[in-house]
Amino acid sequence: MGRDGPRFLAVGHIVKPHGIKGEFLVLPLTDHPQSTYKPGVILHLGNADSANPDPELPALQLDQARPYRNGYIVSAEDITDRNNSEPLRGSYLFREVSALEPLDDGEFFYHQLLGIKVQTSTGTVVGEITEIYELDPNDILRVQSHKGEIMIPFSKEIVLKVNVDEKYIVIDPPDGLLDL
């Protein structure tokens, strides 16, 4: 993965073909779907188990995209009928990190949190983030402490500060959260 982080990020999941003209339904996995799902954007195909697209599969250049329920109906160049779109079912869409919108101040990619230190507002080190689960209503940080694993809700009530550059976050855990 390198010090600079991944070259690609998953930005969507192809649920199924839509209609007979080669369109497909995509669930976006990005905070910026409007700039990801628009004509001319190049996305790469891969599977859920991989952090990178499959180099054997051709890249898709988006032709059209329109919001639909909780996702987008997308068409891509060279995918003209359902026979072409059917094999895409279940694939993940990846976009080159260099093509993503620059982050605003205070924004970060989740992969930047992996391996960073978690400490309380009083300075006690809790452990390191080993995984992030994207769940409702709050995402969950899995933290490895010297006592074992702790699950910490990623909510504004608990996570007070995220400092990606200096590789730490500060939490204010409710009573009992850190008890193992």
Protein backbone atom coordinates (compact mmCIF):
# COMPACT_ATOMS: atom_id res chain seq x y z
CA MET A 1 0.00 0.00 0.00
CA GLY A 2 2.91 2.36 0.52
CA ARG A 3 3.30 5.34 2.76
CA ASP A 4 1.06 7.51 0.64
CA GLY A 5 -1.92 5.20 1.02
CA PRO A 6 -3.78 3.25 -1.62
CA ARG A 7 -3.81 4.20 -5.28
CA PHE A 8 -7.50 3.32 -5.59
CA LEU A 9 -10.55 3.66 -3.35
CA ALA A 10 -13.82 1.78 -3.71
CA VAL A 11 -16.49 4.33 -4.68
CA GLY A 12 -19.43 2.08 -5.49
CA HIS A 13 -20.99 -1.37 -5.69
CA ILE A 14 -22.83 -2.53 -8.82
CA VAL A 15 -26.04 -4.08 -7.55
CA LYS A 16 -27.58 -5.31 -10.82
CA PRO A 17 -28.29 -4.49 -14.45
CA HIS A 18 -31.13 -2.03 -15.02
CA GLY A 19 -33.29 -2.36 -18.12
CA ILE A 20 -32.10 -3.63 -21.50
CA LYS A 21 -29.79 -0.84 -22.69
CA GLY A 22 -26.74 -1.82 -20.63
CA GLU A 23 -27.45 0.45 -17.67
CA PHE A 24 -26.77 -0.75 -14.13
CA LEU A 25 -27.73 0.23 -10.60
CA VAL A 26 -24.86 1.41 -8.39
CA LEU A 27 -24.84 2.01 -4.65
CA PRO A 28 -22.31 4.78 -4.03
CA LEU A 29 -19.61 4.26 -1.38
CA THR A 30 -18.40 7.85 -1.38
CA ASP A 31 -19.29 11.12 0.33
CA HIS A 32 -19.06 12.84 -3.07
CA PRO A 33 -21.31 10.81 -5.40
CA GLN A 34 -22.17 13.86 -7.54
CA SER A 35 -18.57 14.27 -8.68
CA THR A 36 -18.02 10.51 -9.01
CA TYR A 37 -21.12 9.57 -10.98
CA LYS A 38 -21.03 11.90 -13.95
CA PRO A 39 -20.17 11.57 -17.66
CA GLY A 40 -16.51 11.11 -18.50
CA VAL A 41 -15.41 9.71 -15.13
CA ILE A 42 -13.27 6.57 -15.40
CA LEU A 43 -13.97 3.79 -12.90
CA HIS A 44 -12.23 0.44 -12.54
CA LEU A 45 -13.84 -2.91 -11.72
CA GLY A 46 -12.88 -5.22 -8.89
CA ASN A 47 -14.34 -7.47 -6.21
CA ALA A 48 -15.21 -6.92 -2.58
CA ASP A 49 -12.18 -8.77 -1.23
CA SER A 50 -9.65 -6.59 -2.97
CA ALA A 51 -8.25 -3.17 -2.19
CA ASN A 52 -7.46 -2.69 -5.87
CA PRO A 53 -9.36 -3.18 -9.12
CA ASP A 54 -8.76 -6.27 -11.23
CA PRO A 55 -6.17 -5.32 -13.90
CA GLU A 56 -7.67 -7.95 -16.23
CA LEU A 57 -10.99 -6.09 -16.41
CA PRO A 58 -11.44 -3.09 -18.69
CA ALA A 59 -11.99 0.33 -17.12
CA LEU A 60 -15.44 1.87 -17.52
CA GLN A 61 -15.88 5.38 -18.83
CA LEU A 62 -19.22 6.69 -17.61
CA ASP A 63 -21.60 7.90 -20.27
CA GLN A 64 -24.54 8.95 -18.13
CA ALA A 65 -25.60 8.73 -14.49
CA ARG A 66 -28.79 9.74 -12.78
CA PRO A 67 -29.90 9.48 -9.15
CA TYR A 68 -32.27 6.57 -8.50
CA ARG A 69 -33.63 5.69 -5.05
CA ASN A 70 -30.56 5.32 -2.83
CA GLY A 71 -28.14 4.94 -5.72
CA TYR A 72 -27.48 5.81 -9.34
CA ILE A 73 -28.50 4.35 -12.68
CA VAL A 74 -25.28 4.42 -14.69
CA SER A 75 -24.36 3.72 -18.28
CA ALA A 76 -20.82 3.30 -19.57
CA GLU A 77 -19.25 3.42 -23.00
CA ASP A 78 -19.15 0.06 -24.82
CA ILE A 79 -21.83 -1.45 -22.54
CA THR A 80 -24.83 -1.30 -24.80
CA ASP A 81 -27.17 -4.06 -23.69
CA ARG A 82 -28.09 -6.26 -20.78
CA ASN A 83 -25.74 -9.04 -21.95
CA ASN A 84 -22.82 -6.63 -21.46
CA SER A 85 -24.03 -5.32 -18.10
CA GLU A 86 -25.02 -8.67 -16.53
CA PRO A 87 -21.39 -9.79 -15.85
CA LEU A 88 -20.85 -6.56 -13.87
CA ARG A 89 -23.40 -7.60 -11.22
CA GLY A 90 -21.81 -7.59 -7.76
CA SER A 91 -18.62 -5.86 -8.87
CA TYR A 92 -17.12 -2.97 -6.97
CA LEU A 93 -16.14 0.26 -8.66
CA PHE A 94 -12.78 1.83 -7.87
CA ARG A 95 -11.50 5.29 -8.64
CA GLU A 96 -7.93 6.50 -8.65
CA VAL A 97 -7.26 8.48 -5.49
CA SER A 98 -5.53 11.13 -7.61
CA ALA A 99 -8.85 11.74 -9.43
CA LEU A 100 -10.87 12.23 -6.25
CA GLU A 101 -11.92 15.65 -5.02
CA PRO A 102 -9.41 17.19 -2.66
CA LEU A 103 -10.49 16.79 0.93
CA ASP A 104 -11.78 19.78 2.85
CA ASP A 105 -10.08 20.76 6.09
CA GLY A 106 -11.00 18.24 8.74
CA GLU A 107 -11.98 15.57 6.18
CA PHE A 108 -9.98 12.36 5.80
CA PHE A 109 -10.18 8.95 4.18
CA TYR A 110 -10.87 6.05 6.52
CA HIS A 111 -7.73 4.23 5.38
CA GLN A 112 -5.76 7.10 6.95
CA LEU A 113 -7.06 6.09 10.40
CA LEU A 114 -5.71 2.54 10.30
CA GLY A 115 -2.82 2.09 12.71
CA ILE A 116 -3.20 5.44 14.42
CA LYS A 117 -3.23 5.84 18.19
CA VAL A 118 -6.40 6.31 20.24
CA GLN A 119 -6.09 8.25 23.49
CA THR A 120 -8.54 9.69 25.98
CA SER A 121 -8.92 13.40 26.66
CA THR A 122 -6.80 12.87 29.81
CA GLY A 123 -3.95 11.45 27.70
CA THR A 124 -4.36 7.75 28.49
CA VAL A 125 -3.42 5.67 25.43
CA VAL A 126 -6.19 3.18 24.62
CA GLY A 127 -4.63 1.39 21.64
CA GLU A 128 -4.41 1.45 17.83
CA ILE A 129 -7.20 1.44 15.23
CA THR A 130 -7.13 -1.87 13.36
CA GLU A 131 -10.41 -1.72 11.43
CA ILE A 132 -13.33 0.59 10.67
CA TYR A 133 -16.82 -0.81 10.23
CA GLU A 134 -19.27 1.41 8.35
CA LEU A 135 -22.56 0.85 10.16
CA ASP A 136 -25.73 2.76 11.05
CA PRO A 137 -26.19 4.93 13.02
CA ASN A 138 -22.45 5.24 13.78
CA ASP A 139 -19.40 3.76 12.20
CA ILE A 140 -17.36 1.65 14.64
CA LEU A 141 -13.62 1.77 15.24
CA ARG A 142 -12.00 -1.52 16.22
CA VAL A 143 -9.14 -0.68 18.53
CA GLN A 144 -6.45 -3.12 19.66
CA SER A 145 -5.41 -2.37 23.24
CA HIS A 146 -2.96 -4.23 25.44
CA LYS A 147 -6.01 -5.91 27.04
CA GLY A 148 -7.75 -6.93 23.83
CA GLU A 149 -10.10 -5.48 21.23
CA ILE A 150 -12.44 -2.59 21.97
CA MET A 151 -15.23 -1.36 19.71
CA ILE A 152 -15.63 2.42 19.85
CA PRO A 153 -18.52 4.23 18.13
CA PHE A 154 -17.26 6.91 15.75
CA SER A 155 -19.65 9.60 16.94
CA LYS A 156 -19.12 13.28 17.65
CA GLU A 157 -20.04 12.67 21.30
CA ILE A 158 -17.15 10.23 21.75
CA VAL A 159 -14.52 11.18 19.14
CA LEU A 160 -13.38 14.68 20.08
CA LYS A 161 -10.45 15.14 17.70
CA VAL A 162 -8.90 13.41 14.71
CA ASN A 163 -5.33 14.36 13.82
CA VAL A 164 -4.33 12.35 10.74
CA ASP A 165 -0.99 14.16 10.31
CA GLU A 166 0.22 13.34 13.82
CA LYS A 167 -1.56 9.96 13.77
CA TYR A 168 -3.83 10.09 16.79
CA ILE A 169 -7.45 10.57 17.77
CA VAL A 170 -8.81 11.77 21.09
CA ILE A 171 -11.91 10.17 22.59
CA ASP A 172 -14.10 10.91 25.58
CA PRO A 173 -15.41 7.41 26.35
CA PRO A 174 -18.64 7.01 28.31
CA ASP A 175 -18.32 5.04 31.54
CA GLY A 176 -17.81 1.35 30.89
CA LEU A 177 -16.78 1.65 27.21
CA LEU A 178 -13.14 0.78 27.90
CA ASP A 179 -13.84 -1.88 30.55
CA LEU A 180 -12.82 -5.33 29.36
